Amino acid sequence: SGLPHDLKGPLSRMWLRIELADDSKLKEGLRTDLQDMQHMVDQFIGFVRGTDPAAYRYAPIVLSDWLTERVGAWQGAGTDIHLQAVDDEAPLVVQADAVALGRLLDNLIGNALHHAGKGVEVAAYVSGDESAPYVVLSVLDRGTGIDESELETIFNPFIRGDRARGGKGTGLGLAIVKSIMQLHGGRVEVSSSPLGPTRFTLVFPAE
């Protein structure tokens, strides 16, 4: 858990030294490599934080408002992502850590964009009966699907399935999602086929 933090110092110094280089082609290549390394370090730090209950600060969050703001930030960056209309008359409230929830959603959206490139759909709604309601948040992409043989292990740490081959990463993105959901008293499910689409469903206890 300490290793990613130890790496942040050398990485920061490497960023500074890159700017001193005169060769523009060399600088561009080094920037790309450092960005990959930084992403890996951030994934490890996210995984450690995601499994540490002491790092969480829970508070009631109106999911409909929070999603509108969060998805809007992705849309403002030019992302082809759509948020299905949420019923304002029945606000969806969850007890959650806003930072962890943001990391979870960004991981799922980033993963969807990597495999689909466009047409990501986010939705939230209440399900269950009146005696045991729960809040559902889903992220769907229409990219390359997931083979059925990988569905049971896709949330395990350091697992990278066929969808990830050829990409760069640690295999921790979905493990982070699973850990965050467990510490929120919820669960994450995935439904897919090799032909797609792929839907990740997050189930939270309702407030």
N, C-alpha and C. Protein backbone atom coordinates (compact mmCIF):
# COMPACT_ATOMS: atom_id res chain seq x y z
N SER A 1 0.83 -1.22 0.00
CA SER A 1 0.00 0.00 0.00
C SER A 1 0.86 1.26 0.00
N GLY A 2 2.09 1.17 0.54
CA GLY A 2 2.95 2.33 0.55
C GLY A 2 3.68 2.58 -0.75
N LEU A 3 3.83 1.52 -1.55
CA LEU A 3 4.61 1.64 -2.79
C LEU A 3 4.09 2.70 -3.75
N PRO A 4 2.78 2.76 -4.03
CA PRO A 4 2.31 3.80 -4.96
C PRO A 4 2.64 5.20 -4.47
N HIS A 5 2.55 5.43 -3.16
CA HIS A 5 2.88 6.76 -2.62
C HIS A 5 4.37 7.04 -2.79
N ASP A 6 5.21 6.01 -2.60
CA ASP A 6 6.65 6.19 -2.76
C ASP A 6 7.00 6.54 -4.21
N LEU A 7 6.21 6.06 -5.15
CA LEU A 7 6.49 6.31 -6.56
C LEU A 7 6.09 7.71 -7.02
N LYS A 8 5.21 8.36 -6.27
CA LYS A 8 4.71 9.67 -6.71
C LYS A 8 5.83 10.71 -6.74
N GLY A 9 6.77 10.63 -5.80
CA GLY A 9 7.87 11.58 -5.78
C GLY A 9 8.76 11.48 -7.02
N PRO A 10 9.29 10.28 -7.32
CA PRO A 10 10.09 10.15 -8.54
C PRO A 10 9.33 10.52 -9.81
N LEU A 11 8.05 10.19 -9.88
CA LEU A 11 7.27 10.54 -11.06
C LEU A 11 7.18 12.06 -11.21
N SER A 12 6.95 12.75 -10.11
CA SER A 12 6.86 14.22 -10.17
C SER A 12 8.17 14.82 -10.66
N ARG A 13 9.31 14.28 -10.19
CA ARG A 13 10.60 14.79 -10.62
C ARG A 13 10.85 14.50 -12.10
N MET A 14 10.37 13.33 -12.55
CA MET A 14 10.52 12.99 -13.96
C MET A 14 9.73 13.95 -14.85
N TRP A 15 8.53 14.34 -14.41
CA TRP A 15 7.74 15.31 -15.17
C TRP A 15 8.51 16.62 -15.33
N LEU A 16 9.15 17.06 -14.24
CA LEU A 16 9.91 18.32 -14.29
C LEU A 16 11.11 18.20 -15.22
N ARG A 17 11.78 17.07 -15.20
CA ARG A 17 12.98 16.90 -16.03
C ARG A 17 12.64 16.79 -17.51
N ILE A 18 11.45 16.25 -17.80
CA ILE A 18 11.03 16.16 -19.20
C ILE A 18 10.98 17.55 -19.83
N GLU A 19 10.49 18.51 -19.06
CA GLU A 19 10.33 19.86 -19.61
C GLU A 19 11.67 20.51 -19.94
N LEU A 20 12.77 19.97 -19.41
CA LEU A 20 14.08 20.52 -19.69
C LEU A 20 14.68 19.95 -20.98
N ALA A 21 14.07 18.91 -21.53
CA ALA A 21 14.60 18.29 -22.74
C ALA A 21 14.33 19.17 -23.96
N ASP A 22 15.25 19.15 -24.90
CA ASP A 22 15.11 19.97 -26.11
C ASP A 22 14.46 19.20 -27.26
N ASP A 23 14.56 17.89 -27.26
CA ASP A 23 14.04 17.06 -28.34
C ASP A 23 12.53 16.89 -28.17
N SER A 24 11.73 17.53 -29.04
CA SER A 24 10.27 17.49 -28.91
C SER A 24 9.72 16.08 -29.07
N LYS A 25 10.29 15.28 -29.98
CA LYS A 25 9.82 13.92 -30.19
C LYS A 25 10.09 13.07 -28.95
N LEU A 26 11.27 13.26 -28.36
CA LEU A 26 11.62 12.53 -27.13
C LEU A 26 10.67 12.93 -26.00
N LYS A 27 10.40 14.22 -25.89
CA LYS A 27 9.52 14.70 -24.83
C LYS A 27 8.12 14.10 -24.95
N GLU A 28 7.60 14.02 -26.18
CA GLU A 28 6.26 13.48 -26.38
C GLU A 28 6.20 12.01 -25.99
N GLY A 29 7.23 11.25 -26.37
CA GLY A 29 7.26 9.84 -26.01
C GLY A 29 7.35 9.63 -24.51
N LEU A 30 8.18 10.43 -23.84
CA LEU A 30 8.32 10.33 -22.39
C LEU A 30 7.04 10.73 -21.68
N ARG A 31 6.36 11.76 -22.20
CA ARG A 31 5.09 12.16 -21.60
C ARG A 31 4.08 11.02 -21.65
N THR A 32 4.01 10.35 -22.80
CA THR A 32 3.07 9.23 -22.94
C THR A 32 3.38 8.12 -21.95
N ASP A 33 4.66 7.76 -21.82
CA ASP A 33 5.04 6.71 -20.87
C ASP A 33 4.73 7.12 -19.44
N LEU A 34 5.00 8.37 -19.11
CA LEU A 34 4.74 8.84 -17.75
C LEU A 34 3.25 8.89 -17.43
N GLN A 35 2.45 9.24 -18.43
CA GLN A 35 1.00 9.24 -18.23
C GLN A 35 0.50 7.83 -17.93
N ASP A 36 1.06 6.83 -18.64
CA ASP A 36 0.68 5.45 -18.37
C ASP A 36 1.08 5.04 -16.96
N MET A 37 2.31 5.40 -16.56
CA MET A 37 2.79 5.08 -15.22
C MET A 37 1.96 5.77 -14.15
N GLN A 38 1.61 7.04 -14.39
CA GLN A 38 0.80 7.78 -13.43
C GLN A 38 -0.57 7.14 -13.27
N HIS A 39 -1.14 6.68 -14.39
CA HIS A 39 -2.44 6.02 -14.33
C HIS A 39 -2.36 4.75 -13.48
N MET A 40 -1.30 3.98 -13.64
CA MET A 40 -1.14 2.75 -12.87
C MET A 40 -1.01 3.06 -11.37
N VAL A 41 -0.20 4.07 -11.05
CA VAL A 41 -0.04 4.46 -9.65
C VAL A 41 -1.38 4.91 -9.07
N ASP A 42 -2.12 5.71 -9.82
CA ASP A 42 -3.43 6.18 -9.35
C ASP A 42 -4.39 5.01 -9.13
N GLN A 43 -4.31 3.99 -9.99
CA GLN A 43 -5.17 2.82 -9.83
C GLN A 43 -4.83 2.06 -8.54
N PHE A 44 -3.54 1.92 -8.25
CA PHE A 44 -3.14 1.24 -7.01
C PHE A 44 -3.59 2.02 -5.79
N ILE A 45 -3.42 3.35 -5.83
CA ILE A 45 -3.85 4.17 -4.70
C ILE A 45 -5.37 4.08 -4.54
N GLY A 46 -6.09 4.11 -5.65
CA GLY A 46 -7.55 3.98 -5.61
C GLY A 46 -7.98 2.66 -5.03
N PHE A 47 -7.25 1.59 -5.35
CA PHE A 47 -7.59 0.26 -4.83
C PHE A 47 -7.37 0.21 -3.32
N VAL A 48 -6.25 0.76 -2.86
CA VAL A 48 -5.96 0.76 -1.43
C VAL A 48 -7.01 1.56 -0.67
N ARG A 49 -7.34 2.74 -1.17
CA ARG A 49 -8.36 3.57 -0.52
C ARG A 49 -9.72 2.89 -0.55
N GLY A 50 -10.00 2.21 -1.66
CA GLY A 50 -11.30 1.58 -1.81
C GLY A 50 -11.53 0.43 -0.86
N THR A 51 -10.46 -0.13 -0.31
CA THR A 51 -10.61 -1.27 0.61
C THR A 51 -10.40 -0.85 2.06
N ASP A 52 -10.25 0.44 2.32
CA ASP A 52 -9.98 0.93 3.67
C ASP A 52 -11.22 1.64 4.22
N PRO A 53 -11.97 0.99 5.13
CA PRO A 53 -13.19 1.62 5.66
C PRO A 53 -12.92 2.95 6.36
N ALA A 54 -11.73 3.12 6.93
CA ALA A 54 -11.42 4.34 7.66
C ALA A 54 -11.34 5.56 6.75
N ALA A 55 -11.17 5.32 5.45
CA ALA A 55 -11.04 6.43 4.50
C ALA A 55 -12.39 6.98 4.04
N TYR A 56 -13.49 6.34 4.44
CA TYR A 56 -14.80 6.72 3.94
C TYR A 56 -15.48 7.72 4.88
N ARG A 57 -16.16 8.70 4.29
CA ARG A 57 -16.96 9.68 5.03
C ARG A 57 -18.36 9.68 4.41
N TYR A 58 -19.28 9.01 5.08
CA TYR A 58 -20.62 8.82 4.52
C TYR A 58 -21.53 10.01 4.84
N ALA A 59 -22.38 10.33 3.87
CA ALA A 59 -23.38 11.38 4.04
C ALA A 59 -24.50 11.12 3.04
N PRO A 60 -25.72 11.60 3.32
CA PRO A 60 -26.81 11.42 2.36
C PRO A 60 -26.52 12.18 1.06
N ILE A 61 -26.68 11.50 -0.06
CA ILE A 61 -26.45 12.11 -1.38
C ILE A 61 -27.70 11.92 -2.23
N VAL A 62 -28.21 13.02 -2.78
CA VAL A 62 -29.33 12.92 -3.72
C VAL A 62 -28.74 12.48 -5.06
N LEU A 63 -28.92 11.22 -5.37
CA LEU A 63 -28.22 10.63 -6.51
C LEU A 63 -28.60 11.29 -7.83
N SER A 64 -29.87 11.69 -7.97
CA SER A 64 -30.30 12.31 -9.23
C SER A 64 -29.53 13.60 -9.49
N ASP A 65 -29.41 14.46 -8.46
CA ASP A 65 -28.68 15.72 -8.62
C ASP A 65 -27.19 15.45 -8.84
N TRP A 66 -26.65 14.53 -8.07
CA TRP A 66 -25.23 14.21 -8.15
C TRP A 66 -24.86 13.67 -9.53
N LEU A 67 -25.71 12.80 -10.07
CA LEU A 67 -25.46 12.23 -11.40
C LEU A 67 -25.54 13.29 -12.49
N THR A 68 -26.50 14.18 -12.38
CA THR A 68 -26.63 15.24 -13.37
C THR A 68 -25.35 16.07 -13.45
N GLU A 69 -24.79 16.39 -12.29
CA GLU A 69 -23.55 17.17 -12.25
C GLU A 69 -22.37 16.35 -12.74
N ARG A 70 -22.28 15.10 -12.31
CA ARG A 70 -21.12 14.27 -12.65
C ARG A 70 -21.11 13.91 -14.14
N VAL A 71 -22.25 13.48 -14.65
CA VAL A 71 -22.33 13.14 -16.07
C VAL A 71 -22.17 14.40 -16.91
N GLY A 72 -22.71 15.52 -16.41
CA GLY A 72 -22.56 16.78 -17.14
C GLY A 72 -21.10 17.16 -17.33
N ALA A 73 -20.25 16.84 -16.35
CA ALA A 73 -18.82 17.13 -16.48
C ALA A 73 -18.21 16.32 -17.61
N TRP A 74 -18.62 15.06 -17.75
CA TRP A 74 -18.14 14.23 -18.87
C TRP A 74 -18.64 14.79 -20.20
N GLN A 75 -19.92 15.19 -20.23
CA GLN A 75 -20.49 15.74 -21.46
C GLN A 75 -19.78 17.04 -21.84
N GLY A 76 -19.42 17.84 -20.82
CA GLY A 76 -18.73 19.10 -21.09
C GLY A 76 -17.36 18.90 -21.70
N ALA A 77 -16.80 17.69 -21.51
CA ALA A 77 -15.51 17.37 -22.10
C ALA A 77 -15.66 16.75 -23.49
N GLY A 78 -16.89 16.77 -24.02
CA GLY A 78 -17.13 16.26 -25.37
C GLY A 78 -17.41 14.77 -25.45
N THR A 79 -17.73 14.14 -24.32
CA THR A 79 -17.99 12.70 -24.29
C THR A 79 -19.41 12.41 -24.75
N ASP A 80 -19.57 11.36 -25.56
CA ASP A 80 -20.90 10.93 -26.00
C ASP A 80 -21.50 10.02 -24.94
N ILE A 81 -22.07 10.65 -23.91
CA ILE A 81 -22.64 9.92 -22.79
C ILE A 81 -24.01 10.51 -22.49
N HIS A 82 -24.96 9.64 -22.18
CA HIS A 82 -26.34 10.08 -21.99
C HIS A 82 -26.84 9.64 -20.60
N LEU A 83 -27.52 10.56 -19.92
CA LEU A 83 -28.14 10.26 -18.64
C LEU A 83 -29.65 10.18 -18.84
N GLN A 84 -30.21 9.03 -18.57
CA GLN A 84 -31.65 8.88 -18.71
C GLN A 84 -32.35 9.74 -17.67
N ALA A 85 -33.50 10.28 -18.03
CA ALA A 85 -34.24 11.17 -17.15
C ALA A 85 -34.55 10.48 -15.82
N VAL A 86 -34.33 11.23 -14.73
CA VAL A 86 -34.60 10.72 -13.40
C VAL A 86 -35.83 11.44 -12.85
N ASP A 87 -36.71 10.71 -12.19
CA ASP A 87 -37.94 11.28 -11.64
C ASP A 87 -37.61 12.22 -10.48
N ASP A 88 -37.78 13.54 -10.69
CA ASP A 88 -37.46 14.52 -9.66
C ASP A 88 -38.45 14.48 -8.49
N GLU A 89 -39.64 13.93 -8.72
CA GLU A 89 -40.64 13.88 -7.66
C GLU A 89 -40.30 12.84 -6.60
N ALA A 90 -39.44 11.89 -6.95
CA ALA A 90 -39.02 10.86 -6.00
C ALA A 90 -37.50 10.81 -5.99
N PRO A 91 -36.87 11.79 -5.31
CA PRO A 91 -35.40 11.86 -5.32
C PRO A 91 -34.76 10.58 -4.79
N LEU A 92 -33.71 10.15 -5.46
CA LEU A 92 -33.01 8.95 -5.08
C LEU A 92 -31.89 9.33 -4.11
N VAL A 93 -32.00 8.90 -2.87
CA VAL A 93 -31.03 9.26 -1.85
C VAL A 93 -30.27 8.02 -1.40
N VAL A 94 -28.94 8.12 -1.38
CA VAL A 94 -28.11 7.02 -0.89
C VAL A 94 -27.15 7.58 0.17
N GLN A 95 -26.79 6.73 1.12
CA GLN A 95 -25.78 7.09 2.12
C GLN A 95 -24.44 6.67 1.54
N ALA A 96 -23.61 7.66 1.19
CA ALA A 96 -22.41 7.32 0.44
C ALA A 96 -21.28 8.30 0.71
N ASP A 97 -20.07 7.87 0.36
CA ASP A 97 -18.89 8.73 0.36
C ASP A 97 -18.79 9.33 -1.04
N ALA A 98 -18.90 10.65 -1.15
CA ALA A 98 -18.96 11.30 -2.46
C ALA A 98 -17.68 11.08 -3.27
N VAL A 99 -16.52 11.09 -2.62
CA VAL A 99 -15.26 10.90 -3.34
C VAL A 99 -15.18 9.48 -3.90
N ALA A 100 -15.51 8.50 -3.06
CA ALA A 100 -15.46 7.10 -3.51
C ALA A 100 -16.50 6.85 -4.61
N LEU A 101 -17.68 7.46 -4.44
CA LEU A 101 -18.73 7.28 -5.45
C LEU A 101 -18.29 7.87 -6.78
N GLY A 102 -17.62 9.01 -6.75
CA GLY A 102 -17.11 9.61 -7.97
C GLY A 102 -16.06 8.74 -8.63
N ARG A 103 -15.17 8.15 -7.82
CA ARG A 103 -14.14 7.27 -8.36
C ARG A 103 -14.79 6.05 -9.01
N LEU A 104 -15.81 5.52 -8.37
CA LEU A 104 -16.52 4.35 -8.91
C LEU A 104 -17.14 4.66 -10.27
N LEU A 105 -17.89 5.78 -10.34
CA LEU A 105 -18.56 6.11 -11.60
C LEU A 105 -17.56 6.42 -12.70
N ASP A 106 -16.49 7.15 -12.37
CA ASP A 106 -15.49 7.48 -13.37
C ASP A 106 -14.79 6.23 -13.90
N ASN A 107 -14.56 5.26 -13.02
CA ASN A 107 -13.96 4.00 -13.47
C ASN A 107 -14.86 3.29 -14.47
N LEU A 108 -16.15 3.23 -14.17
CA LEU A 108 -17.09 2.53 -15.05
C LEU A 108 -17.26 3.27 -16.38
N ILE A 109 -17.38 4.60 -16.32
CA ILE A 109 -17.54 5.37 -17.55
C ILE A 109 -16.27 5.30 -18.38
N GLY A 110 -15.12 5.44 -17.74
CA GLY A 110 -13.85 5.35 -18.46
C GLY A 110 -13.68 4.00 -19.11
N ASN A 111 -14.07 2.95 -18.40
CA ASN A 111 -13.99 1.59 -18.94
C ASN A 111 -14.92 1.44 -20.14
N ALA A 112 -16.13 1.99 -20.02
CA ALA A 112 -17.10 1.91 -21.11
C ALA A 112 -16.61 2.67 -22.34
N LEU A 113 -16.05 3.84 -22.12
CA LEU A 113 -15.55 4.64 -23.25
C LEU A 113 -14.38 3.94 -23.94
N HIS A 114 -13.55 3.27 -23.15
CA HIS A 114 -12.39 2.58 -23.71
C HIS A 114 -12.84 1.48 -24.67
N HIS A 115 -13.93 0.79 -24.30
CA HIS A 115 -14.36 -0.35 -25.09
C HIS A 115 -15.44 0.00 -26.11
N ALA A 116 -16.20 1.07 -25.85
CA ALA A 116 -17.28 1.43 -26.77
C ALA A 116 -16.96 2.68 -27.57
N GLY A 117 -16.27 3.63 -26.92
CA GLY A 117 -15.91 4.86 -27.61
C GLY A 117 -17.02 5.90 -27.62
N LYS A 118 -18.26 5.47 -27.66
CA LYS A 118 -19.38 6.41 -27.68
C LYS A 118 -20.66 5.68 -27.28
N GLY A 119 -21.69 6.47 -27.08
CA GLY A 119 -22.99 5.88 -26.80
C GLY A 119 -23.11 5.24 -25.43
N VAL A 120 -22.40 5.78 -24.42
CA VAL A 120 -22.51 5.26 -23.07
C VAL A 120 -23.80 5.79 -22.44
N GLU A 121 -24.52 4.93 -21.76
CA GLU A 121 -25.79 5.31 -21.16
C GLU A 121 -25.74 5.09 -19.65
N VAL A 122 -26.13 6.10 -18.88
CA VAL A 122 -26.18 6.02 -17.43
C VAL A 122 -27.62 6.20 -16.99
N ALA A 123 -28.06 5.39 -16.03
CA ALA A 123 -29.44 5.46 -15.56
C ALA A 123 -29.48 5.19 -14.06
N ALA A 124 -30.49 5.73 -13.38
CA ALA A 124 -30.69 5.47 -11.95
C ALA A 124 -32.18 5.39 -11.67
N TYR A 125 -32.56 4.50 -10.79
CA TYR A 125 -33.98 4.32 -10.48
C TYR A 125 -34.12 3.52 -9.18
N VAL A 126 -35.34 3.53 -8.63
CA VAL A 126 -35.65 2.74 -7.44
C VAL A 126 -36.28 1.43 -7.87
N SER A 127 -35.89 0.35 -7.21
CA SER A 127 -36.47 -0.95 -7.51
C SER A 127 -36.81 -1.65 -6.20
N GLY A 128 -37.35 -2.85 -6.30
CA GLY A 128 -37.79 -3.57 -5.11
C GLY A 128 -39.18 -3.16 -4.70
N ASP A 129 -39.70 -3.76 -3.63
CA ASP A 129 -41.04 -3.40 -3.16
C ASP A 129 -40.95 -2.36 -2.05
N GLU A 130 -42.10 -1.91 -1.55
CA GLU A 130 -42.13 -0.84 -0.56
C GLU A 130 -41.44 -1.22 0.73
N SER A 131 -41.49 -2.49 1.09
CA SER A 131 -40.88 -2.93 2.35
C SER A 131 -39.36 -3.05 2.25
N ALA A 132 -38.84 -3.22 1.04
CA ALA A 132 -37.39 -3.39 0.87
C ALA A 132 -36.95 -2.73 -0.43
N PRO A 133 -37.04 -1.40 -0.51
CA PRO A 133 -36.62 -0.72 -1.75
C PRO A 133 -35.09 -0.62 -1.83
N TYR A 134 -34.59 -0.46 -3.01
CA TYR A 134 -33.17 -0.21 -3.19
C TYR A 134 -32.97 0.65 -4.42
N VAL A 135 -31.84 1.34 -4.45
CA VAL A 135 -31.52 2.25 -5.54
C VAL A 135 -30.57 1.55 -6.50
N VAL A 136 -30.85 1.68 -7.79
CA VAL A 136 -30.04 1.05 -8.82
C VAL A 136 -29.39 2.12 -9.69
N LEU A 137 -28.11 1.96 -9.95
CA LEU A 137 -27.37 2.82 -10.87
C LEU A 137 -26.75 1.91 -11.91
N SER A 138 -26.96 2.22 -13.20
CA SER A 138 -26.41 1.35 -14.24
C SER A 138 -25.62 2.16 -15.26
N VAL A 139 -24.57 1.50 -15.79
CA VAL A 139 -23.74 2.09 -16.85
C VAL A 139 -23.68 1.06 -17.97
N LEU A 140 -24.11 1.46 -19.15
CA LEU A 140 -24.18 0.55 -20.29
C LEU A 140 -23.33 1.07 -21.44
N ASP A 141 -22.60 0.15 -22.08
CA ASP A 141 -21.88 0.52 -23.30
C ASP A 141 -22.23 -0.46 -24.41
N ARG A 142 -22.06 -0.03 -25.63
CA ARG A 142 -22.40 -0.86 -26.79
C ARG A 142 -21.14 -1.26 -27.55
N GLY A 143 -20.07 -1.44 -26.82
CA GLY A 143 -18.81 -1.84 -27.43
C GLY A 143 -18.63 -3.35 -27.42
N THR A 144 -17.36 -3.77 -27.44
CA THR A 144 -17.03 -5.19 -27.42
C THR A 144 -17.53 -5.82 -26.13
N GLY A 145 -18.25 -6.90 -26.23
CA GLY A 145 -18.81 -7.56 -25.05
C GLY A 145 -17.77 -8.35 -24.29
N ILE A 146 -18.21 -8.98 -23.20
CA ILE A 146 -17.34 -9.77 -22.34
C ILE A 146 -17.72 -11.23 -22.49
N ASP A 147 -16.73 -12.09 -22.68
CA ASP A 147 -16.98 -13.52 -22.80
C ASP A 147 -17.55 -14.06 -21.49
N GLU A 148 -18.50 -14.97 -21.60
CA GLU A 148 -19.17 -15.51 -20.42
C GLU A 148 -18.19 -16.14 -19.44
N SER A 149 -17.11 -16.70 -19.94
CA SER A 149 -16.14 -17.36 -19.08
C SER A 149 -15.38 -16.38 -18.19
N GLU A 150 -15.43 -15.09 -18.52
CA GLU A 150 -14.69 -14.08 -17.76
C GLU A 150 -15.56 -13.37 -16.72
N LEU A 151 -16.88 -13.54 -16.80
CA LEU A 151 -17.76 -12.76 -15.95
C LEU A 151 -17.56 -13.04 -14.47
N GLU A 152 -17.20 -14.29 -14.11
CA GLU A 152 -17.06 -14.64 -12.70
C GLU A 152 -15.80 -14.05 -12.07
N THR A 153 -14.81 -13.72 -12.87
CA THR A 153 -13.53 -13.26 -12.31
C THR A 153 -13.22 -11.80 -12.64
N ILE A 154 -14.08 -11.14 -13.37
CA ILE A 154 -13.75 -9.81 -13.89
C ILE A 154 -13.57 -8.77 -12.78
N PHE A 155 -14.16 -9.01 -11.59
CA PHE A 155 -14.02 -8.07 -10.49
C PHE A 155 -12.85 -8.40 -9.56
N ASN A 156 -12.11 -9.46 -9.87
CA ASN A 156 -10.96 -9.82 -9.05
C ASN A 156 -9.78 -8.88 -9.32
N PRO A 157 -8.99 -8.56 -8.29
CA PRO A 157 -7.83 -7.68 -8.51
C PRO A 157 -6.84 -8.27 -9.50
N PHE A 158 -6.29 -7.41 -10.35
CA PHE A 158 -5.23 -7.75 -11.31
C PHE A 158 -5.70 -8.66 -12.44
N ILE A 159 -7.02 -8.80 -12.59
CA ILE A 159 -7.56 -9.58 -13.70
C ILE A 159 -7.85 -8.66 -14.87
N ARG A 160 -7.33 -8.99 -16.02
CA ARG A 160 -7.60 -8.23 -17.23
C ARG A 160 -8.11 -9.20 -18.28
N GLY A 161 -9.38 -9.06 -18.65
CA GLY A 161 -9.99 -9.98 -19.59
C GLY A 161 -9.68 -9.62 -21.03
N ASP A 162 -10.31 -10.35 -21.95
CA ASP A 162 -10.06 -10.14 -23.38
C ASP A 162 -10.33 -8.70 -23.80
N ARG A 163 -11.34 -8.07 -23.18
CA ARG A 163 -11.67 -6.69 -23.55
C ARG A 163 -10.51 -5.76 -23.27
N ALA A 164 -9.65 -6.13 -22.32
CA ALA A 164 -8.55 -5.24 -21.93
C ALA A 164 -7.26 -5.55 -22.65
N ARG A 165 -7.17 -6.68 -23.37
CA ARG A 165 -5.91 -7.04 -23.99
C ARG A 165 -5.52 -6.01 -25.04
N GLY A 166 -4.25 -5.65 -25.01
CA GLY A 166 -3.78 -4.62 -25.93
C GLY A 166 -3.88 -3.24 -25.32
N GLY A 167 -4.58 -3.11 -24.17
CA GLY A 167 -4.67 -1.83 -23.50
C GLY A 167 -3.62 -1.72 -22.41
N LYS A 168 -3.68 -0.60 -21.67
CA LYS A 168 -2.73 -0.37 -20.59
C LYS A 168 -3.51 -0.27 -19.31
N GLY A 169 -3.03 -0.93 -18.26
CA GLY A 169 -3.72 -0.86 -16.98
C GLY A 169 -3.22 -1.91 -16.03
N THR A 170 -3.83 -1.91 -14.85
CA THR A 170 -3.39 -2.80 -13.78
C THR A 170 -4.37 -3.93 -13.51
N GLY A 171 -5.55 -3.87 -14.12
CA GLY A 171 -6.56 -4.85 -13.79
C GLY A 171 -7.22 -4.56 -12.46
N LEU A 172 -7.18 -3.29 -12.01
CA LEU A 172 -7.74 -2.92 -10.71
C LEU A 172 -9.01 -2.10 -10.80
N GLY A 173 -9.34 -1.59 -12.00
CA GLY A 173 -10.48 -0.69 -12.13
C GLY A 173 -11.78 -1.28 -11.60
N LEU A 174 -12.12 -2.49 -12.02
CA LEU A 174 -13.37 -3.11 -11.59
C LEU A 174 -13.27 -3.65 -10.17
N ALA A 175 -12.05 -4.01 -9.73
CA ALA A 175 -11.86 -4.43 -8.34
C ALA A 175 -12.14 -3.26 -7.40
N ILE A 176 -11.75 -2.06 -7.83
CA ILE A 176 -12.04 -0.85 -7.05
C ILE A 176 -13.55 -0.64 -6.94
N VAL A 177 -14.25 -0.82 -8.06
CA VAL A 177 -15.71 -0.67 -8.07
C VAL A 177 -16.35 -1.65 -7.08
N LYS A 178 -15.91 -2.90 -7.10
CA LYS A 178 -16.48 -3.91 -6.21
C LYS A 178 -16.22 -3.56 -4.74
N SER A 179 -15.00 -3.14 -4.42
CA SER A 179 -14.67 -2.79 -3.03
C SER A 179 -15.51 -1.62 -2.54
N ILE A 180 -15.66 -0.60 -3.38
CA ILE A 180 -16.45 0.56 -2.99
C ILE A 180 -17.90 0.17 -2.73
N MET A 181 -18.45 -0.66 -3.58
CA MET A 181 -19.84 -1.08 -3.39
C MET A 181 -20.01 -1.91 -2.11
N GLN A 182 -19.06 -2.78 -1.82
CA GLN A 182 -19.15 -3.59 -0.61
C GLN A 182 -19.14 -2.71 0.64
N LEU A 183 -18.31 -1.65 0.64
CA LEU A 183 -18.24 -0.78 1.79
C LEU A 183 -19.42 0.20 1.85
N HIS A 184 -20.28 0.17 0.84
CA HIS A 184 -21.53 0.93 0.87
C HIS A 184 -22.72 0.00 1.16
N GLY A 185 -22.42 -1.24 1.51
CA GLY A 185 -23.49 -2.20 1.80
C GLY A 185 -24.26 -2.63 0.57
N GLY A 186 -23.66 -2.45 -0.61
CA GLY A 186 -24.33 -2.80 -1.86
C GLY A 186 -23.57 -3.85 -2.63
N ARG A 187 -23.87 -3.95 -3.91
CA ARG A 187 -23.22 -4.95 -4.76
C ARG A 187 -23.17 -4.44 -6.19
N VAL A 188 -22.30 -5.04 -7.00
CA VAL A 188 -22.20 -4.71 -8.41
C VAL A 188 -22.39 -5.98 -9.21
N GLU A 189 -23.13 -5.87 -10.31
CA GLU A 189 -23.39 -7.01 -11.19
C GLU A 189 -23.04 -6.61 -12.61
N VAL A 190 -22.76 -7.59 -13.46
CA VAL A 190 -22.47 -7.32 -14.85
C VAL A 190 -23.24 -8.30 -15.72
N SER A 191 -23.79 -7.81 -16.81
CA SER A 191 -24.44 -8.66 -17.80
C SER A 191 -23.88 -8.30 -19.16
N SER A 192 -23.49 -9.33 -19.93
CA SER A 192 -22.88 -9.08 -21.21
C SER A 192 -22.83 -10.37 -22.01
N SER A 193 -22.38 -10.23 -23.25
CA SER A 193 -22.11 -11.35 -24.14
C SER A 193 -20.98 -10.92 -25.05
N PRO A 194 -20.33 -11.84 -25.74
CA PRO A 194 -19.23 -11.43 -26.63
C PRO A 194 -19.64 -10.39 -27.68
N LEU A 195 -20.92 -10.33 -28.01
CA LEU A 195 -21.40 -9.38 -29.01
C LEU A 195 -21.85 -8.06 -28.40
N GLY A 196 -21.86 -7.99 -27.05
CA GLY A 196 -22.31 -6.77 -26.38
C GLY A 196 -23.82 -6.64 -26.46
N PRO A 197 -24.44 -5.58 -25.88
CA PRO A 197 -23.79 -4.57 -25.05
C PRO A 197 -23.43 -5.11 -23.67
N THR A 198 -22.76 -4.28 -22.89
CA THR A 198 -22.37 -4.65 -21.53
C THR A 198 -22.98 -3.66 -20.56
N ARG A 199 -23.62 -4.18 -19.52
CA ARG A 199 -24.24 -3.32 -18.51
C ARG A 199 -23.70 -3.67 -17.13
N PHE A 200 -23.18 -2.64 -16.44
CA PHE A 200 -22.79 -2.78 -15.04
C PHE A 200 -23.89 -2.18 -14.19
N THR A 201 -24.39 -2.95 -13.23
CA THR A 201 -25.51 -2.54 -12.38
C THR A 201 -25.05 -2.46 -10.93
N LEU A 202 -25.23 -1.30 -10.32
CA LEU A 202 -24.86 -1.07 -8.93
C LEU A 202 -26.12 -0.99 -8.10
N VAL A 203 -26.19 -1.76 -7.03
CA VAL A 203 -27.38 -1.82 -6.19
C VAL A 203 -27.03 -1.29 -4.80
N PHE A 204 -27.68 -0.17 -4.42
CA PHE A 204 -27.46 0.47 -3.11
C PHE A 204 -28.69 0.28 -2.21
N PRO A 205 -28.49 0.15 -0.90
CA PRO A 205 -29.64 0.22 0.00
C PRO A 205 -30.24 1.61 -0.08
N ALA A 206 -31.55 1.71 -0.14
CA ALA A 206 -32.21 3.02 -0.22
C ALA A 206 -32.31 3.64 1.16
N GLU A 207 -32.26 4.98 1.20
CA GLU A 207 -32.41 5.70 2.46
C GLU A 207 -33.88 5.85 2.81
